[in-house]
Amino acid sequence: MNILLVCSAGMSTSILVEKMRTEAANRGLDATIDAIPESRLKEQTNVDVILIGPQVRYLEGKIKSSVSVPVAVIDNMAYGLMKGDQVLDQALGLVQNA
């Protein structure tokens, strides 16, 4: 599974990405998890789900209209507390319900 986190500069989500990678490894999941700035989204291929940082939630409609995979804004509380397990669960839920 390829999970992509989108934020304004691709930097603010780096800690969260590491926590999500650790959680995925602990669960034995084969997942690639990366963070990028919105400006690089068009370069991405082979993505299963896109999660948007709460600070750029205004991009949700634009991103949804330009891709054919599930897209959602990361839960504010999980993002603020850097809960990699909860954000991973959010991504998995989006893919399962797609």
PDB file of N, CA and C in Angstrom:
ATOM      1  N   MET A   1       0.840  -1.175   0.000  1.00  0.00           N
ATOM      2  CA  MET A   1       0.000   0.000   0.000  1.00  0.00           C
ATOM      3  C   MET A   1       0.887   1.241   0.000  1.00  0.00           C
ATOM      4  N   ASN A   2       0.515   2.207  -0.815  1.00  0.00           N
ATOM      5  CA  ASN A   2       1.257   3.459  -0.902  1.00  0.00           C
ATOM      6  C   ASN A   2       0.405   4.587  -0.331  1.00  0.00           C
ATOM      7  N   ILE A   3       0.875   5.156   0.766  1.00  0.00           N
ATOM      8  CA  ILE A   3       0.167   6.224   1.465  1.00  0.00           C
ATOM      9  C   ILE A   3       0.948   7.512   1.273  1.00  0.00           C
ATOM     10  N   LEU A   4       0.257   8.558   0.873  1.00  0.00           N
ATOM     11  CA  LEU A   4       0.896   9.841   0.638  1.00  0.00           C
ATOM     12  C   LEU A   4       0.270  10.892   1.539  1.00  0.00           C
ATOM     13  N   LEU A   5       1.105  11.601   2.280  1.00  0.00           N
ATOM     14  CA  LEU A   5       0.652  12.711   3.100  1.00  0.00           C
ATOM     15  C   LEU A   5       1.034  13.993   2.382  1.00  0.00           C
ATOM     16  N   VAL A   6       0.100  14.923   2.307  1.00  0.00           N
ATOM     17  CA  VAL A   6       0.330  16.189   1.614  1.00  0.00           C
ATOM     18  C   VAL A   6       0.219  17.325   2.616  1.00  0.00           C
ATOM     19  N   CYS A   7       1.227  18.198   2.588  1.00  0.00           N
ATOM     20  CA  CYS A   7       1.177  19.398   3.423  1.00  0.00           C
ATOM     21  C   CYS A   7       1.710  20.563   2.610  1.00  0.00           C
ATOM     22  N   SER A   8       1.877  21.698   3.236  1.00  0.00           N
ATOM     23  CA  SER A   8       2.269  22.881   2.464  1.00  0.00           C
ATOM     24  C   SER A   8       3.705  22.801   1.960  1.00  0.00           C
ATOM     25  N   ALA A   9       4.629  22.323   2.774  1.00  0.00           N
ATOM     26  CA  ALA A   9       6.030  22.261   2.339  1.00  0.00           C
ATOM     27  C   ALA A   9       6.592  20.844   2.364  1.00  0.00           C
ATOM     28  N   GLY A  10       5.838  19.887   2.837  1.00  0.00           N
ATOM     29  CA  GLY A  10       6.321  18.520   2.907  1.00  0.00           C
ATOM     30  C   GLY A  10       7.185  18.243   4.122  1.00  0.00           C
ATOM     31  N   MET A  11       7.337  19.224   4.982  1.00  0.00           N
ATOM     32  CA  MET A  11       8.223  19.084   6.137  1.00  0.00           C
ATOM     33  C   MET A  11       7.453  18.794   7.428  1.00  0.00           C
ATOM     34  N   SER A  12       6.319  19.431   7.599  1.00  0.00           N
ATOM     35  CA  SER A  12       5.613  19.333   8.876  1.00  0.00           C
ATOM     36  C   SER A  12       5.107  17.933   9.176  1.00  0.00           C
ATOM     37  N   THR A  13       4.974  17.117   8.169  1.00  0.00           N
ATOM     38  CA  THR A  13       4.462  15.764   8.384  1.00  0.00           C
ATOM     39  C   THR A  13       5.567  14.724   8.532  1.00  0.00           C
ATOM     40  N   SER A  14       6.826  15.129   8.486  1.00  0.00           N
ATOM     41  CA  SER A  14       7.922  14.146   8.501  1.00  0.00           C
ATOM     42  C   SER A  14       7.952  13.315   9.778  1.00  0.00           C
ATOM     43  N   ILE A  15       7.675  13.906  10.913  1.00  0.00           N
ATOM     44  CA  ILE A  15       7.644  13.152  12.175  1.00  0.00           C
ATOM     45  C   ILE A  15       6.490  12.149  12.140  1.00  0.00           C
ATOM     46  N   LEU A  16       5.357  12.599  11.660  1.00  0.00           N
ATOM     47  CA  LEU A  16       4.189  11.725  11.577  1.00  0.00           C
ATOM     48  C   LEU A  16       4.454  10.556  10.634  1.00  0.00           C
ATOM     49  N   VAL A  17       5.114  10.811   9.517  1.00  0.00           N
ATOM     50  CA  VAL A  17       5.455   9.747   8.575  1.00  0.00           C
ATOM     51  C   VAL A  17       6.305   8.685   9.261  1.00  0.00           C
ATOM     52  N   GLU A  18       7.298   9.101  10.008  1.00  0.00           N
ATOM     53  CA  GLU A  18       8.158   8.139  10.713  1.00  0.00           C
ATOM     54  C   GLU A  18       7.360   7.307  11.703  1.00  0.00           C
ATOM     55  N   LYS A  19       6.454   7.926  12.421  1.00  0.00           N
ATOM     56  CA  LYS A  19       5.629   7.187  13.385  1.00  0.00           C
ATOM     57  C   LYS A  19       4.700   6.212  12.672  1.00  0.00           C
ATOM     58  N   MET A  20       4.180   6.620  11.526  1.00  0.00           N
ATOM     59  CA  MET A  20       3.325   5.727  10.743  1.00  0.00           C
ATOM     60  C   MET A  20       4.126   4.551  10.191  1.00  0.00           C
ATOM     61  N   ARG A  21       5.325   4.810   9.718  1.00  0.00           N
ATOM     62  CA  ARG A  21       6.181   3.723   9.209  1.00  0.00           C
ATOM     63  C   ARG A  21       6.498   2.717  10.305  1.00  0.00           C
ATOM     64  N   THR A  22       6.797   3.219  11.492  1.00  0.00           N
ATOM     65  CA  THR A  22       7.087   2.335  12.624  1.00  0.00           C
ATOM     66  C   THR A  22       5.873   1.481  12.957  1.00  0.00           C
ATOM     67  N   GLU A  23       4.704   2.104  12.987  1.00  0.00           N
ATOM     68  CA  GLU A  23       3.472   1.376  13.294  1.00  0.00           C
ATOM     69  C   GLU A  23       3.176   0.328  12.220  1.00  0.00           C
ATOM     70  N   ALA A  24       3.362   0.684  10.962  1.00  0.00           N
ATOM     71  CA  ALA A  24       3.121  -0.276   9.873  1.00  0.00           C
ATOM     72  C   ALA A  24       4.072  -1.463   9.997  1.00  0.00           C
ATOM     73  N   ALA A  25       5.331  -1.199  10.318  1.00  0.00           N
ATOM     74  CA  ALA A  25       6.309  -2.287  10.492  1.00  0.00           C
ATOM     75  C   ALA A  25       5.920  -3.165  11.668  1.00  0.00           C
ATOM     76  N   ASN A  26       5.483  -2.558  12.756  1.00  0.00           N
ATOM     77  CA  ASN A  26       5.059  -3.324  13.939  1.00  0.00           C
ATOM     78  C   ASN A  26       3.870  -4.232  13.627  1.00  0.00           C
ATOM     79  N   ARG A  27       3.027  -3.808  12.715  1.00  0.00           N
ATOM     80  CA  ARG A  27       1.851  -4.595  12.328  1.00  0.00           C
ATOM     81  C   ARG A  27       2.161  -5.582  11.201  1.00  0.00           C
ATOM     82  N   GLY A  28       3.360  -5.511  10.652  1.00  0.00           N
ATOM     83  CA  GLY A  28       3.717  -6.383   9.550  1.00  0.00           C
ATOM     84  C   GLY A  28       3.087  -5.981   8.231  1.00  0.00           C
ATOM     85  N   LEU A  29       2.736  -4.716   8.103  1.00  0.00           N
ATOM     86  CA  LEU A  29       2.119  -4.225   6.873  1.00  0.00           C
ATOM     87  C   LEU A  29       3.186  -3.822   5.862  1.00  0.00           C
ATOM     88  N   ASP A  30       2.944  -4.141   4.622  1.00  0.00           N
ATOM     89  CA  ASP A  30       3.830  -3.715   3.547  1.00  0.00           C
ATOM     90  C   ASP A  30       3.303  -2.376   3.054  1.00  0.00           C
ATOM     91  N   ALA A  31       3.863  -1.287   3.588  1.00  0.00           N
ATOM     92  CA  ALA A  31       3.369   0.044   3.259  1.00  0.00           C
ATOM     93  C   ALA A  31       4.523   0.994   2.970  1.00  0.00           C
ATOM     94  N   THR A  32       4.329   1.801   1.951  1.00  0.00           N
ATOM     95  CA  THR A  32       5.241   2.895   1.654  1.00  0.00           C
ATOM     96  C   THR A  32       4.511   4.167   2.060  1.00  0.00           C
ATOM     97  N   ILE A  33       5.133   4.944   2.919  1.00  0.00           N
ATOM     98  CA  ILE A  33       4.492   6.152   3.446  1.00  0.00           C
ATOM     99  C   ILE A  33       5.442   7.322   3.239  1.00  0.00           C
ATOM    100  N   ASP A  34       4.969   8.329   2.526  1.00  0.00           N
ATOM    101  CA  ASP A  34       5.794   9.495   2.230  1.00  0.00           C
ATOM    102  C   ASP A  34       4.991  10.772   2.426  1.00  0.00           C
ATOM    103  N   ALA A  35       5.720  11.884   2.586  1.00  0.00           N
ATOM    104  CA  ALA A  35       5.108  13.209   2.677  1.00  0.00           C
ATOM    105  C   ALA A  35       5.706  14.107   1.607  1.00  0.00           C
ATOM    106  N   ILE A  36       4.839  14.885   0.983  1.00  0.00           N
ATOM    107  CA  ILE A  36       5.291  15.802  -0.062  1.00  0.00           C
ATOM    108  C   ILE A  36       4.527  17.116   0.062  1.00  0.00           C
ATOM    109  N   PRO A  37       5.083  18.172  -0.529  1.00  0.00           N
ATOM    110  CA  PRO A  37       4.299  19.410  -0.625  1.00  0.00           C
ATOM    111  C   PRO A  37       3.251  19.264  -1.725  1.00  0.00           C
ATOM    112  N   GLU A  38       2.193  20.001  -1.628  1.00  0.00           N
ATOM    113  CA  GLU A  38       1.110  19.930  -2.608  1.00  0.00           C
ATOM    114  C   GLU A  38       1.611  20.200  -4.020  1.00  0.00           C
ATOM    115  N   SER A  39       2.615  21.025  -4.153  1.00  0.00           N
ATOM    116  CA  SER A  39       3.146  21.385  -5.473  1.00  0.00           C
ATOM    117  C   SER A  39       3.737  20.187  -6.218  1.00  0.00           C
ATOM    118  N   ARG A  40       4.074  19.102  -5.507  1.00  0.00           N
ATOM    119  CA  ARG A  40       4.655  17.916  -6.147  1.00  0.00           C
ATOM    120  C   ARG A  40       3.638  16.794  -6.354  1.00  0.00           C
ATOM    121  N   LEU A  41       2.399  17.041  -6.050  1.00  0.00           N
ATOM    122  CA  LEU A  41       1.383  15.995  -6.128  1.00  0.00           C
ATOM    123  C   LEU A  41       1.219  15.448  -7.552  1.00  0.00           C
ATOM    124  N   LYS A  42       1.313  16.298  -8.558  1.00  0.00           N
ATOM    125  CA  LYS A  42       1.139  15.858  -9.945  1.00  0.00           C
ATOM    126  C   LYS A  42       2.211  14.870 -10.383  1.00  0.00           C
ATOM    127  N   GLU A  43       3.354  14.857  -9.706  1.00  0.00           N
ATOM    128  CA  GLU A  43       4.461  13.961 -10.054  1.00  0.00           C
ATOM    129  C   GLU A  43       4.245  12.538  -9.538  1.00  0.00           C
ATOM    130  N   GLN A  44       3.289  12.359  -8.649  1.00  0.00           N
ATOM    131  CA  GLN A  44       3.113  11.079  -7.969  1.00  0.00           C
ATOM    132  C   GLN A  44       2.283  10.104  -8.783  1.00  0.00           C
ATOM    133  N   THR A  45       2.724   8.855  -8.799  1.00  0.00           N
ATOM    134  CA  THR A  45       1.977   7.778  -9.436  1.00  0.00           C
ATOM    135  C   THR A  45       1.930   6.610  -8.449  1.00  0.00           C
ATOM    136  N   ASN A  46       1.057   5.680  -8.694  1.00  0.00           N
ATOM    137  CA  ASN A  46       0.965   4.481  -7.858  1.00  0.00           C
ATOM    138  C   ASN A  46       0.712   4.815  -6.389  1.00  0.00           C
ATOM    139  N   VAL A  47      -0.290   5.639  -6.133  1.00  0.00           N
ATOM    140  CA  VAL A  47      -0.680   6.015  -4.778  1.00  0.00           C
ATOM    141  C   VAL A  47      -2.034   5.381  -4.494  1.00  0.00           C
ATOM    142  N   ASP A  48      -2.189   4.802  -3.299  1.00  0.00           N
ATOM    143  CA  ASP A  48      -3.454   4.165  -2.931  1.00  0.00           C
ATOM    144  C   ASP A  48      -4.373   5.076  -2.134  1.00  0.00           C
ATOM    145  N   VAL A  49      -3.788   6.006  -1.375  1.00  0.00           N
ATOM    146  CA  VAL A  49      -4.590   6.907  -0.543  1.00  0.00           C
ATOM    147  C   VAL A  49      -3.781   8.175  -0.283  1.00  0.00           C
ATOM    148  N   ILE A  50      -4.480   9.307  -0.208  1.00  0.00           N
ATOM    149  CA  ILE A  50      -3.832  10.584   0.079  1.00  0.00           C
ATOM    150  C   ILE A  50      -4.464  11.183   1.321  1.00  0.00           C
ATOM    151  N   LEU A  51      -3.624  11.528   2.275  1.00  0.00           N
ATOM    152  CA  LEU A  51      -4.070  12.214   3.479  1.00  0.00           C
ATOM    153  C   LEU A  51      -3.496  13.624   3.464  1.00  0.00           C
ATOM    154  N   ILE A  52      -4.331  14.593   3.795  1.00  0.00           N
ATOM    155  CA  ILE A  52      -3.948  16.004   3.735  1.00  0.00           C
ATOM    156  C   ILE A  52      -3.756  16.540   5.146  1.00  0.00           C
ATOM    157  N   GLY A  53      -2.657  17.256   5.357  1.00  0.00           N
ATOM    158  CA  GLY A  53      -2.414  17.886   6.649  1.00  0.00           C
ATOM    159  C   GLY A  53      -3.510  18.885   6.967  1.00  0.00           C
ATOM    160  N   PRO A  54      -3.926  18.957   8.227  1.00  0.00           N
ATOM    161  CA  PRO A  54      -5.011  19.875   8.602  1.00  0.00           C
ATOM    162  C   PRO A  54      -4.737  21.333   8.241  1.00  0.00           C
ATOM    163  N   GLN A  55      -3.472  21.722   8.218  1.00  0.00           N
ATOM    164  CA  GLN A  55      -3.133  23.107   7.926  1.00  0.00           C
ATOM    165  C   GLN A  55      -3.396  23.484   6.467  1.00  0.00           C
ATOM    166  N   VAL A  56      -3.577  22.489   5.608  1.00  0.00           N
ATOM    167  CA  VAL A  56      -3.889  22.756   4.195  1.00  0.00           C
ATOM    168  C   VAL A  56      -5.203  22.087   3.784  1.00  0.00           C
ATOM    169  N   ARG A  57      -6.107  21.997   4.710  1.00  0.00           N
ATOM    170  CA  ARG A  57      -7.400  21.352   4.450  1.00  0.00           C
ATOM    171  C   ARG A  57      -8.153  22.002   3.295  1.00  0.00           C
ATOM    172  N   TYR A  58      -7.851  23.261   3.029  1.00  0.00           N
ATOM    173  CA  TYR A  58      -8.508  23.963   1.923  1.00  0.00           C
ATOM    174  C   TYR A  58      -8.189  23.328   0.564  1.00  0.00           C
ATOM    175  N   LEU A  59      -7.170  22.475   0.493  1.00  0.00           N
ATOM    176  CA  LEU A  59      -6.798  21.811  -0.756  1.00  0.00           C
ATOM    177  C   LEU A  59      -7.613  20.547  -1.027  1.00  0.00           C
ATOM    178  N   GLU A  60      -8.437  20.129  -0.087  1.00  0.00           N
ATOM    179  CA  GLU A  60      -9.132  18.849  -0.204  1.00  0.00           C
ATOM    180  C   GLU A  60      -9.936  18.736  -1.502  1.00  0.00           C
ATOM    181  N   GLY A  61     -10.755  19.712  -1.807  1.00  0.00           N
ATOM    182  CA  GLY A  61     -11.572  19.652  -3.020  1.00  0.00           C
ATOM    183  C   GLY A  61     -10.733  19.602  -4.280  1.00  0.00           C
ATOM    184  N   LYS A  62      -9.702  20.417  -4.328  1.00  0.00           N
ATOM    185  CA  LYS A  62      -8.810  20.463  -5.495  1.00  0.00           C
ATOM    186  C   LYS A  62      -8.129  19.113  -5.700  1.00  0.00           C
ATOM    187  N   ILE A  63      -7.636  18.513  -4.608  1.00  0.00           N
ATOM    188  CA  ILE A  63      -6.942  17.232  -4.720  1.00  0.00           C
ATOM    189  C   ILE A  63      -7.922  16.127  -5.109  1.00  0.00           C
ATOM    190  N   LYS A  64      -9.091  16.112  -4.469  1.00  0.00           N
ATOM    191  CA  LYS A  64     -10.086  15.086  -4.793  1.00  0.00           C
ATOM    192  C   LYS A  64     -10.476  15.119  -6.265  1.00  0.00           C
ATOM    193  N   SER A  65     -10.555  16.308  -6.828  1.00  0.00           N
ATOM    194  CA  SER A  65     -10.979  16.414  -8.221  1.00  0.00           C
ATOM    195  C   SER A  65      -9.867  16.051  -9.210  1.00  0.00           C
ATOM    196  N   SER A  66      -8.635  15.928  -8.710  1.00  0.00           N
ATOM    197  CA  SER A  66      -7.526  15.652  -9.620  1.00  0.00           C
ATOM    198  C   SER A  66      -6.966  14.229  -9.515  1.00  0.00           C
ATOM    199  N   VAL A  67      -7.498  13.423  -8.598  1.00  0.00           N
ATOM    200  CA  VAL A  67      -7.012  12.049  -8.439  1.00  0.00           C
ATOM    201  C   VAL A  67      -8.185  11.070  -8.385  1.00  0.00           C
ATOM    202  N   SER A  68      -7.867   9.793  -8.518  1.00  0.00           N
ATOM    203  CA  SER A  68      -8.924   8.771  -8.491  1.00  0.00           C
ATOM    204  C   SER A  68      -8.731   7.804  -7.322  1.00  0.00           C
ATOM    205  N   VAL A  69      -8.110   8.294  -6.239  1.00  0.00           N
ATOM    206  CA  VAL A  69      -7.911   7.481  -5.038  1.00  0.00           C
ATOM    207  C   VAL A  69      -8.582   8.189  -3.862  1.00  0.00           C
ATOM    208  N   PRO A  70      -8.821   7.465  -2.761  1.00  0.00           N
ATOM    209  CA  PRO A  70      -9.424   8.114  -1.594  1.00  0.00           C
ATOM    210  C   PRO A  70      -8.544   9.247  -1.059  1.00  0.00           C
ATOM    211  N   VAL A  71      -9.201  10.337  -0.657  1.00  0.00           N
ATOM    212  CA  VAL A  71      -8.529  11.516  -0.127  1.00  0.00           C
ATOM    213  C   VAL A  71      -9.284  11.974   1.112  1.00  0.00           C
ATOM    214  N   ALA A  72      -8.542  12.332   2.168  1.00  0.00           N
ATOM    215  CA  ALA A  72      -9.176  12.879   3.372  1.00  0.00           C
ATOM    216  C   ALA A  72      -8.187  13.763   4.114  1.00  0.00           C
ATOM    217  N   VAL A  73      -8.737  14.648   4.930  1.00  0.00           N
ATOM    218  CA  VAL A  73      -7.912  15.475   5.807  1.00  0.00           C
ATOM    219  C   VAL A  73      -7.585  14.643   7.036  1.00  0.00           C
ATOM    220  N   ILE A  74      -6.341  14.695   7.466  1.00  0.00           N
ATOM    221  CA  ILE A  74      -5.906  13.970   8.668  1.00  0.00           C
ATOM    222  C   ILE A  74      -6.647  14.519   9.877  1.00  0.00           C
ATOM    223  N   ASP A  75      -7.112  13.622  10.716  1.00  0.00           N
ATOM    224  CA  ASP A  75      -7.795  14.008  11.940  1.00  0.00           C
ATOM    225  C   ASP A  75      -6.931  15.002  12.734  1.00  0.00           C
ATOM    226  N   ASN A  76      -7.524  16.143  13.120  1.00  0.00           N
ATOM    227  CA  ASN A  76      -6.786  17.201  13.825  1.00  0.00           C
ATOM    228  C   ASN A  76      -6.079  16.708  15.075  1.00  0.00           C
ATOM    229  N   MET A  77      -6.788  15.975  15.896  1.00  0.00           N
ATOM    230  CA  MET A  77      -6.223  15.521  17.170  1.00  0.00           C
ATOM    231  C   MET A  77      -5.084  14.535  16.934  1.00  0.00           C
ATOM    232  N   ALA A  78      -5.288  13.593  16.038  1.00  0.00           N
ATOM    233  CA  ALA A  78      -4.247  12.606  15.737  1.00  0.00           C
ATOM    234  C   ALA A  78      -3.016  13.292  15.158  1.00  0.00           C
ATOM    235  N   TYR A  79      -3.235  14.303  14.327  1.00  0.00           N
ATOM    236  CA  TYR A  79      -2.112  15.041  13.735  1.00  0.00           C
ATOM    237  C   TYR A  79      -1.366  15.827  14.818  1.00  0.00           C
ATOM    238  N   GLY A  80      -2.108  16.550  15.612  1.00  0.00           N
ATOM    239  CA  GLY A  80      -1.492  17.383  16.651  1.00  0.00           C
ATOM    240  C   GLY A  80      -0.696  16.582  17.672  1.00  0.00           C
ATOM    241  N   LEU A  81      -1.182  15.385  17.979  1.00  0.00           N
ATOM    242  CA  LEU A  81      -0.501  14.529  18.948  1.00  0.00           C
ATOM    243  C   LEU A  81       0.469  13.560  18.275  1.00  0.00           C
ATOM    244  N   MET A  82       0.591  13.656  16.945  1.00  0.00           N
ATOM    245  CA  MET A  82       1.486  12.793  16.171  1.00  0.00           C
ATOM    246  C   MET A  82       1.211  11.314  16.443  1.00  0.00           C
ATOM    247  N   LYS A  83      -0.058  10.952  16.385  1.00  0.00           N
ATOM    248  CA  LYS A  83      -0.499   9.575  16.619  1.00  0.00           C
ATOM    249  C   LYS A  83      -0.425   8.786  15.317  1.00  0.00           C
ATOM    250  N   GLY A  84       0.752   8.271  15.022  1.00  0.00           N
ATOM    251  CA  GLY A  84       0.966   7.522  13.789  1.00  0.00           C
ATOM    252  C   GLY A  84       0.031   6.347  13.640  1.00  0.00           C
ATOM    253  N   ASP A  85      -0.296   5.682  14.743  1.00  0.00           N
ATOM    254  CA  ASP A  85      -1.204   4.535  14.676  1.00  0.00           C
ATOM    255  C   ASP A  85      -2.599   4.949  14.222  1.00  0.00           C
ATOM    256  N   GLN A  86      -3.088   6.053  14.741  1.00  0.00           N
ATOM    257  CA  GLN A  86      -4.432   6.509  14.376  1.00  0.00           C
ATOM    258  C   GLN A  86      -4.499   6.999  12.938  1.00  0.00           C
ATOM    259  N   VAL A  87      -3.461   7.671  12.481  1.00  0.00           N
ATOM    260  CA  VAL A  87      -3.447   8.154  11.100  1.00  0.00           C
ATOM    261  C   VAL A  87      -3.308   6.977  10.136  1.00  0.00           C
ATOM    262  N   LEU A  88      -2.520   5.980  10.518  1.00  0.00           N
ATOM    263  CA  LEU A  88      -2.425   4.766   9.703  1.00  0.00           C
ATOM    264  C   LEU A  88      -3.787   4.089   9.620  1.00  0.00           C
ATOM    265  N   ASP A  89      -4.490   3.997  10.732  1.00  0.00           N
ATOM    266  CA  ASP A  89      -5.835   3.419  10.733  1.00  0.00           C
ATOM    267  C   ASP A  89      -6.773   4.212   9.820  1.00  0.00           C
ATOM    268  N   GLN A  90      -6.642   5.537   9.820  1.00  0.00           N
ATOM    269  CA  GLN A  90      -7.468   6.374   8.954  1.00  0.00           C
ATOM    270  C   GLN A  90      -7.196   6.029   7.491  1.00  0.00           C
ATOM    271  N   ALA A  91      -5.938   5.905   7.129  1.00  0.00           N
ATOM    272  CA  ALA A  91      -5.571   5.574   5.750  1.00  0.00           C
ATOM    273  C   ALA A  91      -6.105   4.198   5.357  1.00  0.00           C
ATOM    274  N   LEU A  92      -5.911   3.213   6.230  1.00  0.00           N
ATOM    275  CA  LEU A  92      -6.377   1.853   5.944  1.00  0.00           C
ATOM    276  C   LEU A  92      -7.886   1.813   5.787  1.00  0.00           C
ATOM    277  N   GLY A  93      -8.585   2.554   6.633  1.00  0.00           N
ATOM    278  CA  GLY A  93     -10.053   2.616   6.555  1.00  0.00           C
ATOM    279  C   GLY A  93     -10.530   3.217   5.243  1.00  0.00           C
ATOM    280  N   LEU A  94      -9.841   4.241   4.777  1.00  0.00           N
ATOM    281  CA  LEU A  94     -10.225   4.867   3.507  1.00  0.00           C
ATOM    282  C   LEU A  94     -10.067   3.899   2.348  1.00  0.00           C
ATOM    283  N   VAL A  95      -8.992   3.143   2.344  1.00  0.00           N
ATOM    284  CA  VAL A  95      -8.749   2.178   1.266  1.00  0.00           C
ATOM    285  C   VAL A  95      -9.759   1.046   1.326  1.00  0.00           C
ATOM    286  N   GLN A  96     -10.043   0.559   2.517  1.00  0.00           N
ATOM    287  CA  GLN A  96     -10.998  -0.547   2.656  1.00  0.00           C
ATOM    288  C   GLN A  96     -12.403  -0.148   2.253  1.00  0.00           C
ATOM    289  N   ASN A  97     -12.751   1.112   2.459  1.00  0.00           N
ATOM    290  CA  ASN A  97     -14.112   1.578   2.140  1.00  0.00           C
ATOM    291  C   ASN A  97     -14.241   2.168   0.749  1.00  0.00           C
ATOM    292  N   ALA A  98     -13.145   2.146   0.004  1.00  0.00           N
ATOM    293  CA  ALA A  98     -13.183   2.732  -1.361  1.00  0.00           C
ATOM    294  C   ALA A  98     -13.870   1.814  -2.336  1.00  0.00           C
TER     295      ALA A  98
END
